[in-house]
Amino acid sequence: MRKAGLLSPSCAGAWRSVRMASSGMARRGPLANKVALVTASTDGIGFAIARRLARDGAHVVISSRKQQNVDRAVAALQGEGLSVAGTVCHVGKTEDRKRLVATAVDLHGGIDILVSNAAVNPFFGNLMDVTEEVWDKILDVNVKATALMTKAVVPEMEKRGCGWTRQERRASKKPCT
């Protein structure tokens, strides 16, 4: 029989994690001190991705097209003790992409991870009924904005020793720092 107050060795690690989280101590994890940008991350899949990255130790910068969505999501994640900041970003707008990157760099000194989650699907129905304007919107947000966001982020990643494909990293034998 165990005395009250003693924990088995298997429970000690879990209890330490709970104590650290409740005391506000720095979290440790596989992404400790990494900086992640997640577009369209105030709801749904993007929010879940941002939460997971933060729980794994990353400093996460979230974004949405609407300030109230950013404020709500930042408050929710910070309420869990996670390192999260946010800004408005419509990925189809150059100024907004620049602001998102600048926010991460200003707050955390760089970027290690980009999750380009923003996408649109403004049409449901027969493919033959899709207008040119709808195709333009789909391609602008889902393809062009993703490429331009990547182009804006990779130079910041390279400054920190990242920003290359797995094949390039394997070939160089250098870990991301």
N, C-alpha and C. Protein backbone atom coordinates (compact mmCIF):
# COMPACT_ATOMS: atom_id res chain seq x y z
N MET A 1 0.84 -1.17 0.00
CA MET A 1 0.00 0.00 0.00
C MET A 1 0.89 1.25 0.00
N ARG A 2 0.54 2.27 -0.83
CA ARG A 2 1.32 3.49 -0.91
C ARG A 2 0.85 4.52 0.09
N LYS A 3 1.80 5.33 0.52
CA LYS A 3 1.43 6.45 1.38
C LYS A 3 0.79 7.53 0.52
N ALA A 4 -0.12 8.26 1.09
CA ALA A 4 -0.76 9.37 0.38
C ALA A 4 0.31 10.38 -0.01
N GLY A 5 0.19 10.91 -1.20
CA GLY A 5 1.11 11.95 -1.65
C GLY A 5 2.29 11.44 -2.45
N LEU A 6 2.54 10.16 -2.48
CA LEU A 6 3.65 9.64 -3.27
C LEU A 6 3.15 9.19 -4.63
N LEU A 7 3.92 9.48 -5.65
CA LEU A 7 3.55 9.10 -7.01
C LEU A 7 4.45 8.00 -7.51
N SER A 8 3.89 7.11 -8.27
CA SER A 8 4.71 6.09 -8.90
C SER A 8 5.60 6.75 -9.94
N PRO A 9 6.72 6.16 -10.27
CA PRO A 9 7.62 6.75 -11.27
C PRO A 9 6.92 7.01 -12.61
N SER A 10 5.98 6.17 -12.98
CA SER A 10 5.31 6.35 -14.26
C SER A 10 4.41 7.58 -14.26
N CYS A 11 3.94 8.00 -13.11
CA CYS A 11 3.06 9.17 -13.00
C CYS A 11 3.85 10.46 -12.80
N ALA A 12 5.09 10.34 -12.36
CA ALA A 12 5.88 11.52 -12.01
C ALA A 12 6.06 12.46 -13.19
N GLY A 13 6.35 11.92 -14.36
CA GLY A 13 6.54 12.75 -15.55
C GLY A 13 5.29 13.49 -15.94
N ALA A 14 4.16 12.81 -15.89
CA ALA A 14 2.89 13.45 -16.23
C ALA A 14 2.58 14.56 -15.24
N TRP A 15 2.80 14.30 -13.96
CA TRP A 15 2.52 15.30 -12.94
C TRP A 15 3.43 16.52 -13.12
N ARG A 16 4.70 16.29 -13.47
CA ARG A 16 5.63 17.38 -13.70
C ARG A 16 5.12 18.26 -14.84
N SER A 17 4.59 17.65 -15.91
CA SER A 17 4.06 18.42 -17.03
C SER A 17 2.87 19.26 -16.61
N VAL A 18 1.99 18.70 -15.81
CA VAL A 18 0.83 19.44 -15.32
C VAL A 18 1.29 20.61 -14.46
N ARG A 19 2.25 20.35 -13.57
CA ARG A 19 2.77 21.40 -12.69
C ARG A 19 3.40 22.52 -13.50
N MET A 20 4.19 22.16 -14.53
CA MET A 20 4.84 23.17 -15.37
C MET A 20 3.80 24.01 -16.10
N ALA A 21 2.79 23.37 -16.66
CA ALA A 21 1.77 24.09 -17.41
C ALA A 21 1.01 25.04 -16.51
N SER A 22 0.67 24.59 -15.30
CA SER A 22 -0.12 25.43 -14.41
C SER A 22 0.70 26.54 -13.78
N SER A 23 2.01 26.38 -13.71
CA SER A 23 2.86 27.40 -13.09
C SER A 23 3.37 28.42 -14.10
N GLY A 24 3.12 28.20 -15.38
CA GLY A 24 3.58 29.11 -16.41
C GLY A 24 5.04 28.90 -16.78
N MET A 25 5.65 27.83 -16.32
CA MET A 25 7.04 27.56 -16.68
C MET A 25 7.13 27.27 -18.17
N ALA A 26 8.30 27.47 -18.72
CA ALA A 26 8.49 27.23 -20.15
C ALA A 26 8.21 25.77 -20.48
N ARG A 27 7.52 25.57 -21.57
CA ARG A 27 7.25 24.21 -22.02
C ARG A 27 8.43 23.73 -22.83
N ARG A 28 8.62 22.44 -22.77
CA ARG A 28 9.66 21.82 -23.59
C ARG A 28 8.95 20.87 -24.53
N GLY A 29 9.47 20.77 -25.70
CA GLY A 29 8.88 19.86 -26.66
C GLY A 29 9.75 19.80 -27.89
N PRO A 30 9.31 19.02 -28.86
CA PRO A 30 10.12 18.85 -30.06
C PRO A 30 10.29 20.15 -30.87
N LEU A 31 9.42 21.14 -30.61
CA LEU A 31 9.51 22.39 -31.35
C LEU A 31 9.89 23.57 -30.45
N ALA A 32 10.49 23.28 -29.32
CA ALA A 32 10.86 24.34 -28.38
C ALA A 32 11.68 25.42 -29.08
N ASN A 33 11.26 26.67 -28.89
CA ASN A 33 11.92 27.86 -29.43
C ASN A 33 11.87 27.97 -30.95
N LYS A 34 11.09 27.15 -31.61
CA LYS A 34 10.87 27.34 -33.05
C LYS A 34 9.74 28.36 -33.22
N VAL A 35 9.72 29.02 -34.35
CA VAL A 35 8.69 30.02 -34.65
C VAL A 35 7.90 29.54 -35.85
N ALA A 36 6.57 29.47 -35.68
CA ALA A 36 5.71 28.96 -36.74
C ALA A 36 4.70 30.02 -37.16
N LEU A 37 4.50 30.16 -38.45
CA LEU A 37 3.43 30.98 -39.02
C LEU A 37 2.37 30.02 -39.54
N VAL A 38 1.11 30.31 -39.22
CA VAL A 38 0.02 29.49 -39.73
C VAL A 38 -1.03 30.43 -40.30
N THR A 39 -1.28 30.34 -41.60
CA THR A 39 -2.30 31.19 -42.21
C THR A 39 -3.67 30.57 -41.99
N ALA A 40 -4.68 31.42 -42.00
CA ALA A 40 -6.08 30.98 -41.81
C ALA A 40 -6.18 30.05 -40.60
N SER A 41 -5.77 30.57 -39.45
CA SER A 41 -5.58 29.68 -38.30
C SER A 41 -6.40 30.06 -37.08
N THR A 42 -7.53 30.71 -37.28
CA THR A 42 -8.34 31.10 -36.12
C THR A 42 -9.54 30.19 -35.91
N ASP A 43 -9.68 29.20 -36.76
CA ASP A 43 -10.81 28.27 -36.66
C ASP A 43 -10.45 26.98 -37.39
N GLY A 44 -11.17 25.94 -37.11
CA GLY A 44 -11.06 24.69 -37.85
C GLY A 44 -9.67 24.07 -37.85
N ILE A 45 -9.28 23.56 -39.01
CA ILE A 45 -8.01 22.85 -39.14
C ILE A 45 -6.82 23.76 -38.82
N GLY A 46 -6.84 24.99 -39.29
CA GLY A 46 -5.74 25.92 -39.02
C GLY A 46 -5.57 26.18 -37.53
N PHE A 47 -6.67 26.32 -36.80
CA PHE A 47 -6.62 26.53 -35.35
C PHE A 47 -6.03 25.30 -34.67
N ALA A 48 -6.46 24.12 -35.10
CA ALA A 48 -5.94 22.88 -34.52
C ALA A 48 -4.44 22.73 -34.78
N ILE A 49 -4.01 23.10 -35.96
CA ILE A 49 -2.58 23.04 -36.29
C ILE A 49 -1.80 24.01 -35.41
N ALA A 50 -2.30 25.24 -35.28
CA ALA A 50 -1.63 26.24 -34.45
C ALA A 50 -1.53 25.76 -33.00
N ARG A 51 -2.62 25.22 -32.49
CA ARG A 51 -2.62 24.71 -31.11
C ARG A 51 -1.58 23.60 -30.95
N ARG A 52 -1.53 22.67 -31.89
CA ARG A 52 -0.59 21.55 -31.78
C ARG A 52 0.85 22.03 -31.83
N LEU A 53 1.16 22.94 -32.74
CA LEU A 53 2.51 23.48 -32.83
C LEU A 53 2.91 24.16 -31.52
N ALA A 54 1.99 24.94 -30.95
CA ALA A 54 2.26 25.63 -29.69
C ALA A 54 2.42 24.64 -28.54
N ARG A 55 1.59 23.61 -28.50
CA ARG A 55 1.71 22.60 -27.45
C ARG A 55 3.03 21.85 -27.55
N ASP A 56 3.57 21.77 -28.76
CA ASP A 56 4.86 21.11 -28.96
C ASP A 56 6.03 22.07 -28.72
N GLY A 57 5.73 23.29 -28.25
CA GLY A 57 6.77 24.22 -27.83
C GLY A 57 7.05 25.38 -28.75
N ALA A 58 6.43 25.45 -29.92
CA ALA A 58 6.70 26.54 -30.85
C ALA A 58 6.02 27.83 -30.41
N HIS A 59 6.62 28.94 -30.80
CA HIS A 59 5.98 30.25 -30.70
C HIS A 59 5.19 30.37 -32.01
N VAL A 60 3.88 30.55 -31.93
CA VAL A 60 3.04 30.52 -33.12
C VAL A 60 2.44 31.89 -33.40
N VAL A 61 2.50 32.29 -34.66
CA VAL A 61 1.84 33.51 -35.11
C VAL A 61 0.69 33.07 -36.01
N ILE A 62 -0.53 33.39 -35.55
CA ILE A 62 -1.72 32.99 -36.29
C ILE A 62 -2.25 34.17 -37.08
N SER A 63 -3.17 33.88 -38.01
CA SER A 63 -3.73 34.96 -38.83
C SER A 63 -5.12 34.61 -39.31
N SER A 64 -5.84 35.67 -39.66
CA SER A 64 -7.17 35.57 -40.24
C SER A 64 -7.44 36.87 -40.97
N ARG A 65 -8.45 36.88 -41.80
CA ARG A 65 -8.82 38.10 -42.51
C ARG A 65 -9.51 39.11 -41.59
N LYS A 66 -10.01 38.66 -40.44
CA LYS A 66 -10.77 39.54 -39.54
C LYS A 66 -10.13 39.64 -38.16
N GLN A 67 -9.98 40.88 -37.69
CA GLN A 67 -9.33 41.12 -36.40
C GLN A 67 -10.04 40.42 -35.25
N GLN A 68 -11.38 40.42 -35.24
CA GLN A 68 -12.09 39.78 -34.12
C GLN A 68 -11.80 38.29 -34.06
N ASN A 69 -11.59 37.65 -35.19
CA ASN A 69 -11.23 36.22 -35.20
C ASN A 69 -9.83 36.01 -34.63
N VAL A 70 -8.91 36.90 -34.99
CA VAL A 70 -7.54 36.82 -34.46
C VAL A 70 -7.58 36.99 -32.95
N ASP A 71 -8.29 38.02 -32.47
CA ASP A 71 -8.35 38.30 -31.03
C ASP A 71 -8.93 37.12 -30.26
N ARG A 72 -9.99 36.54 -30.77
CA ARG A 72 -10.65 35.41 -30.11
C ARG A 72 -9.71 34.20 -30.03
N ALA A 73 -9.07 33.87 -31.14
CA ALA A 73 -8.19 32.71 -31.18
C ALA A 73 -6.94 32.90 -30.32
N VAL A 74 -6.35 34.09 -30.36
CA VAL A 74 -5.16 34.37 -29.54
C VAL A 74 -5.54 34.25 -28.06
N ALA A 75 -6.67 34.82 -27.68
CA ALA A 75 -7.10 34.74 -26.27
C ALA A 75 -7.31 33.29 -25.84
N ALA A 76 -7.93 32.49 -26.69
CA ALA A 76 -8.20 31.09 -26.36
C ALA A 76 -6.90 30.32 -26.17
N LEU A 77 -5.95 30.48 -27.08
CA LEU A 77 -4.70 29.73 -27.01
C LEU A 77 -3.79 30.25 -25.89
N GLN A 78 -3.75 31.55 -25.69
CA GLN A 78 -2.97 32.09 -24.58
C GLN A 78 -3.59 31.66 -23.25
N GLY A 79 -4.91 31.50 -23.22
CA GLY A 79 -5.59 31.01 -22.03
C GLY A 79 -5.17 29.60 -21.67
N GLU A 80 -4.64 28.86 -22.62
CA GLU A 80 -4.12 27.52 -22.38
C GLU A 80 -2.64 27.55 -22.00
N GLY A 81 -2.10 28.77 -21.89
CA GLY A 81 -0.69 28.91 -21.53
C GLY A 81 0.26 28.76 -22.71
N LEU A 82 -0.25 28.93 -23.92
CA LEU A 82 0.56 28.73 -25.12
C LEU A 82 1.13 30.05 -25.62
N SER A 83 2.28 29.98 -26.27
CA SER A 83 2.95 31.14 -26.83
C SER A 83 2.38 31.43 -28.22
N VAL A 84 1.42 32.35 -28.26
CA VAL A 84 0.72 32.64 -29.51
C VAL A 84 0.52 34.15 -29.64
N ALA A 85 0.72 34.65 -30.84
CA ALA A 85 0.41 36.03 -31.20
C ALA A 85 -0.35 35.95 -32.51
N GLY A 86 -0.90 37.07 -32.96
CA GLY A 86 -1.64 37.03 -34.21
C GLY A 86 -1.76 38.38 -34.86
N THR A 87 -2.10 38.34 -36.14
CA THR A 87 -2.33 39.56 -36.88
C THR A 87 -3.30 39.27 -38.03
N VAL A 88 -3.90 40.33 -38.54
CA VAL A 88 -4.78 40.19 -39.69
C VAL A 88 -3.94 39.92 -40.92
N CYS A 89 -4.37 38.95 -41.72
CA CYS A 89 -3.67 38.66 -42.97
C CYS A 89 -4.62 38.03 -43.96
N HIS A 90 -4.89 38.75 -45.03
CA HIS A 90 -5.56 38.17 -46.19
C HIS A 90 -4.42 37.78 -47.11
N VAL A 91 -4.19 36.49 -47.29
CA VAL A 91 -3.00 36.04 -48.02
C VAL A 91 -2.96 36.51 -49.46
N GLY A 92 -4.08 36.96 -49.99
CA GLY A 92 -4.12 37.47 -51.35
C GLY A 92 -3.62 38.90 -51.47
N LYS A 93 -3.28 39.54 -50.33
CA LYS A 93 -2.83 40.93 -50.32
C LYS A 93 -1.36 41.00 -49.90
N THR A 94 -0.57 41.62 -50.76
CA THR A 94 0.88 41.73 -50.53
C THR A 94 1.19 42.36 -49.18
N GLU A 95 0.52 43.47 -48.85
CA GLU A 95 0.81 44.17 -47.60
C GLU A 95 0.54 43.28 -46.39
N ASP A 96 -0.53 42.50 -46.46
CA ASP A 96 -0.88 41.61 -45.35
C ASP A 96 0.14 40.50 -45.18
N ARG A 97 0.61 39.93 -46.28
CA ARG A 97 1.65 38.90 -46.18
C ARG A 97 2.92 39.47 -45.56
N LYS A 98 3.30 40.67 -45.99
CA LYS A 98 4.49 41.33 -45.44
C LYS A 98 4.32 41.57 -43.94
N ARG A 99 3.13 42.02 -43.53
CA ARG A 99 2.88 42.28 -42.12
C ARG A 99 2.96 41.00 -41.29
N LEU A 100 2.43 39.89 -41.82
CA LEU A 100 2.48 38.62 -41.11
C LEU A 100 3.93 38.18 -40.88
N VAL A 101 4.73 38.24 -41.91
CA VAL A 101 6.14 37.87 -41.79
C VAL A 101 6.85 38.81 -40.82
N ALA A 102 6.62 40.11 -40.95
CA ALA A 102 7.26 41.09 -40.08
C ALA A 102 6.86 40.89 -38.62
N THR A 103 5.62 40.51 -38.38
CA THR A 103 5.17 40.26 -37.01
C THR A 103 5.98 39.14 -36.37
N ALA A 104 6.14 38.05 -37.09
CA ALA A 104 6.92 36.92 -36.56
C ALA A 104 8.38 37.31 -36.33
N VAL A 105 8.95 38.01 -37.27
CA VAL A 105 10.36 38.41 -37.15
C VAL A 105 10.53 39.40 -36.00
N ASP A 106 9.64 40.38 -35.89
CA ASP A 106 9.73 41.38 -34.82
C ASP A 106 9.56 40.74 -33.44
N LEU A 107 8.62 39.82 -33.32
CA LEU A 107 8.34 39.21 -32.02
C LEU A 107 9.35 38.14 -31.62
N HIS A 108 9.80 37.36 -32.60
CA HIS A 108 10.59 36.17 -32.27
C HIS A 108 11.93 36.06 -33.00
N GLY A 109 12.27 37.04 -33.82
CA GLY A 109 13.58 37.05 -34.45
C GLY A 109 13.73 36.22 -35.70
N GLY A 110 12.66 35.60 -36.17
CA GLY A 110 12.75 34.80 -37.39
C GLY A 110 11.60 33.84 -37.52
N ILE A 111 11.70 32.95 -38.49
CA ILE A 111 10.65 31.98 -38.78
C ILE A 111 11.31 30.64 -39.09
N ASP A 112 10.75 29.58 -38.52
CA ASP A 112 11.25 28.24 -38.77
C ASP A 112 10.25 27.38 -39.54
N ILE A 113 8.95 27.66 -39.37
CA ILE A 113 7.90 26.79 -39.90
C ILE A 113 6.84 27.65 -40.57
N LEU A 114 6.39 27.24 -41.74
CA LEU A 114 5.25 27.88 -42.41
C LEU A 114 4.21 26.81 -42.69
N VAL A 115 2.99 27.06 -42.23
CA VAL A 115 1.85 26.22 -42.60
C VAL A 115 0.92 27.13 -43.38
N SER A 116 0.88 26.92 -44.69
CA SER A 116 0.03 27.73 -45.57
C SER A 116 -1.33 27.04 -45.67
N ASN A 117 -2.21 27.41 -44.78
CA ASN A 117 -3.50 26.74 -44.63
C ASN A 117 -4.63 27.46 -45.37
N ALA A 118 -4.44 28.71 -45.72
CA ALA A 118 -5.51 29.51 -46.34
C ALA A 118 -5.87 28.97 -47.72
N ALA A 119 -7.16 28.87 -47.97
CA ALA A 119 -7.64 28.43 -49.28
C ALA A 119 -9.11 28.83 -49.42
N VAL A 120 -9.58 28.89 -50.65
CA VAL A 120 -10.98 29.21 -50.91
C VAL A 120 -11.59 28.18 -51.84
N ASN A 121 -12.88 28.05 -51.77
CA ASN A 121 -13.66 27.25 -52.70
C ASN A 121 -15.00 27.96 -52.86
N PRO A 122 -15.02 29.01 -53.69
CA PRO A 122 -16.22 29.84 -53.79
C PRO A 122 -17.33 29.28 -54.68
N PHE A 123 -17.15 28.08 -55.21
CA PHE A 123 -18.15 27.55 -56.14
C PHE A 123 -18.45 26.09 -55.84
N PHE A 124 -19.71 25.77 -55.83
CA PHE A 124 -20.17 24.39 -55.72
C PHE A 124 -21.12 24.14 -56.88
N GLY A 125 -20.90 23.08 -57.59
CA GLY A 125 -21.78 22.77 -58.71
C GLY A 125 -21.03 22.16 -59.87
N ASN A 126 -21.64 22.23 -61.03
CA ASN A 126 -21.09 21.67 -62.24
C ASN A 126 -19.86 22.44 -62.67
N LEU A 127 -18.77 21.74 -62.91
CA LEU A 127 -17.51 22.35 -63.31
C LEU A 127 -17.67 23.22 -64.56
N MET A 128 -18.58 22.86 -65.43
CA MET A 128 -18.79 23.63 -66.66
C MET A 128 -19.45 24.98 -66.40
N ASP A 129 -19.96 25.18 -65.18
CA ASP A 129 -20.61 26.45 -64.84
C ASP A 129 -19.69 27.43 -64.12
N VAL A 130 -18.44 27.04 -63.88
CA VAL A 130 -17.51 27.91 -63.17
C VAL A 130 -17.09 29.06 -64.08
N THR A 131 -17.18 30.27 -63.55
CA THR A 131 -16.82 31.46 -64.34
C THR A 131 -15.32 31.72 -64.25
N GLU A 132 -14.84 32.56 -65.14
CA GLU A 132 -13.43 32.93 -65.13
C GLU A 132 -13.06 33.66 -63.84
N GLU A 133 -13.97 34.48 -63.34
CA GLU A 133 -13.72 35.21 -62.09
C GLU A 133 -13.52 34.24 -60.92
N VAL A 134 -14.30 33.16 -60.87
CA VAL A 134 -14.16 32.17 -59.81
C VAL A 134 -12.81 31.46 -59.94
N TRP A 135 -12.44 31.09 -61.17
CA TRP A 135 -11.14 30.46 -61.37
C TRP A 135 -10.01 31.39 -60.93
N ASP A 136 -10.13 32.67 -61.26
CA ASP A 136 -9.11 33.64 -60.86
C ASP A 136 -8.97 33.68 -59.34
N LYS A 137 -10.09 33.70 -58.62
CA LYS A 137 -10.05 33.75 -57.16
C LYS A 137 -9.41 32.48 -56.59
N ILE A 138 -9.81 31.32 -57.09
CA ILE A 138 -9.25 30.05 -56.62
C ILE A 138 -7.74 30.02 -56.85
N LEU A 139 -7.31 30.37 -58.04
CA LEU A 139 -5.89 30.33 -58.35
C LEU A 139 -5.10 31.40 -57.60
N ASP A 140 -5.69 32.59 -57.44
CA ASP A 140 -5.01 33.66 -56.72
C ASP A 140 -4.75 33.30 -55.26
N VAL A 141 -5.74 32.75 -54.60
CA VAL A 141 -5.60 32.44 -53.17
C VAL A 141 -4.92 31.10 -52.95
N ASN A 142 -5.38 30.07 -53.63
CA ASN A 142 -4.90 28.71 -53.36
C ASN A 142 -3.53 28.41 -53.94
N VAL A 143 -3.17 29.07 -55.02
CA VAL A 143 -1.89 28.77 -55.66
C VAL A 143 -0.93 29.96 -55.57
N LYS A 144 -1.33 31.08 -56.14
CA LYS A 144 -0.44 32.23 -56.20
C LYS A 144 -0.07 32.75 -54.80
N ALA A 145 -1.04 32.94 -53.94
CA ALA A 145 -0.76 33.46 -52.59
C ALA A 145 0.12 32.50 -51.80
N THR A 146 -0.10 31.21 -51.96
CA THR A 146 0.73 30.22 -51.27
C THR A 146 2.18 30.32 -51.74
N ALA A 147 2.38 30.44 -53.04
CA ALA A 147 3.73 30.58 -53.59
C ALA A 147 4.39 31.87 -53.11
N LEU A 148 3.63 32.97 -53.10
CA LEU A 148 4.19 34.24 -52.67
C LEU A 148 4.46 34.27 -51.17
N MET A 149 3.63 33.61 -50.39
CA MET A 149 3.89 33.52 -48.94
C MET A 149 5.17 32.73 -48.70
N THR A 150 5.32 31.64 -49.42
CA THR A 150 6.53 30.84 -49.30
C THR A 150 7.75 31.66 -49.69
N LYS A 151 7.63 32.41 -50.76
CA LYS A 151 8.73 33.26 -51.23
C LYS A 151 9.10 34.31 -50.17
N ALA A 152 8.13 34.81 -49.44
CA ALA A 152 8.39 35.81 -48.40
C ALA A 152 9.01 35.19 -47.15
N VAL A 153 8.67 33.94 -46.85
CA VAL A 153 9.10 33.30 -45.60
C VAL A 153 10.45 32.60 -45.73
N VAL A 154 10.72 31.98 -46.86
CA VAL A 154 11.95 31.18 -47.00
C VAL A 154 13.22 31.98 -46.70
N PRO A 155 13.36 33.22 -47.13
CA PRO A 155 14.58 33.96 -46.76
C PRO A 155 14.76 34.09 -45.25
N GLU A 156 13.66 34.24 -44.52
CA GLU A 156 13.74 34.31 -43.05
C GLU A 156 14.13 32.95 -42.47
N MET A 157 13.61 31.89 -43.07
CA MET A 157 13.98 30.54 -42.61
C MET A 157 15.45 30.27 -42.87
N GLU A 158 15.94 30.67 -44.01
CA GLU A 158 17.35 30.43 -44.36
C GLU A 158 18.29 31.13 -43.40
N LYS A 159 17.89 32.30 -42.89
CA LYS A 159 18.71 33.01 -41.92
C LYS A 159 18.90 32.19 -40.64
N ARG A 160 17.93 31.30 -40.36
CA ARG A 160 18.00 30.48 -39.16
C ARG A 160 18.48 29.06 -39.46
N GLY A 161 18.93 28.85 -40.70
CA GLY A 161 19.47 27.54 -41.05
C GLY A 161 18.43 26.58 -41.57
N CYS A 162 17.25 27.06 -41.89
CA CYS A 162 16.18 26.20 -42.42
C CYS A 162 15.73 26.72 -43.78
N GLY A 163 14.54 26.33 -44.19
CA GLY A 163 13.98 26.87 -45.41
C GLY A 163 14.33 26.10 -46.66
N TRP A 164 14.68 24.88 -46.54
CA TRP A 164 15.02 24.05 -47.69
C TRP A 164 14.19 22.78 -47.63
N THR A 165 14.18 22.09 -48.71
CA THR A 165 13.43 20.84 -48.75
C THR A 165 14.17 19.78 -47.95
N ARG A 166 13.48 18.70 -47.59
CA ARG A 166 14.13 17.60 -46.87
C ARG A 166 15.31 17.05 -47.64
N GLN A 167 15.15 16.93 -48.97
CA GLN A 167 16.23 16.38 -49.78
C GLN A 167 17.46 17.28 -49.72
N GLU A 168 17.24 18.60 -49.79
CA GLU A 168 18.37 19.53 -49.72
C GLU A 168 19.04 19.45 -48.35
N ARG A 169 18.24 19.36 -47.28
CA ARG A 169 18.80 19.29 -45.94
C ARG A 169 19.60 18.00 -45.75
N ARG A 170 19.02 16.88 -46.24
CA ARG A 170 19.75 15.61 -46.15
C ARG A 170 21.07 15.67 -46.89
N ALA A 171 21.03 16.28 -48.07
CA ALA A 171 22.25 16.37 -48.88
C ALA A 171 23.29 17.23 -48.20
N SER A 172 22.87 18.29 -47.49
CA SER A 172 23.81 19.17 -46.83
C SER A 172 24.28 18.61 -45.49
N LYS A 173 23.50 17.67 -44.94
CA LYS A 173 23.78 17.06 -43.64
C LYS A 173 23.81 18.09 -42.53
N LYS A 174 23.09 19.22 -42.71
CA LYS A 174 23.01 20.25 -41.68
C LYS A 174 21.62 20.24 -41.07
N PRO A 175 21.53 20.21 -39.75
CA PRO A 175 20.21 20.30 -39.13
C PRO A 175 19.73 21.74 -39.10
N CYS A 176 18.43 21.94 -39.05
CA CYS A 176 17.91 23.28 -38.84
C CYS A 176 18.23 23.66 -37.40
N THR A 177 18.64 24.90 -37.20
CA THR A 177 18.98 25.34 -35.84
C THR A 177 17.84 26.04 -35.18
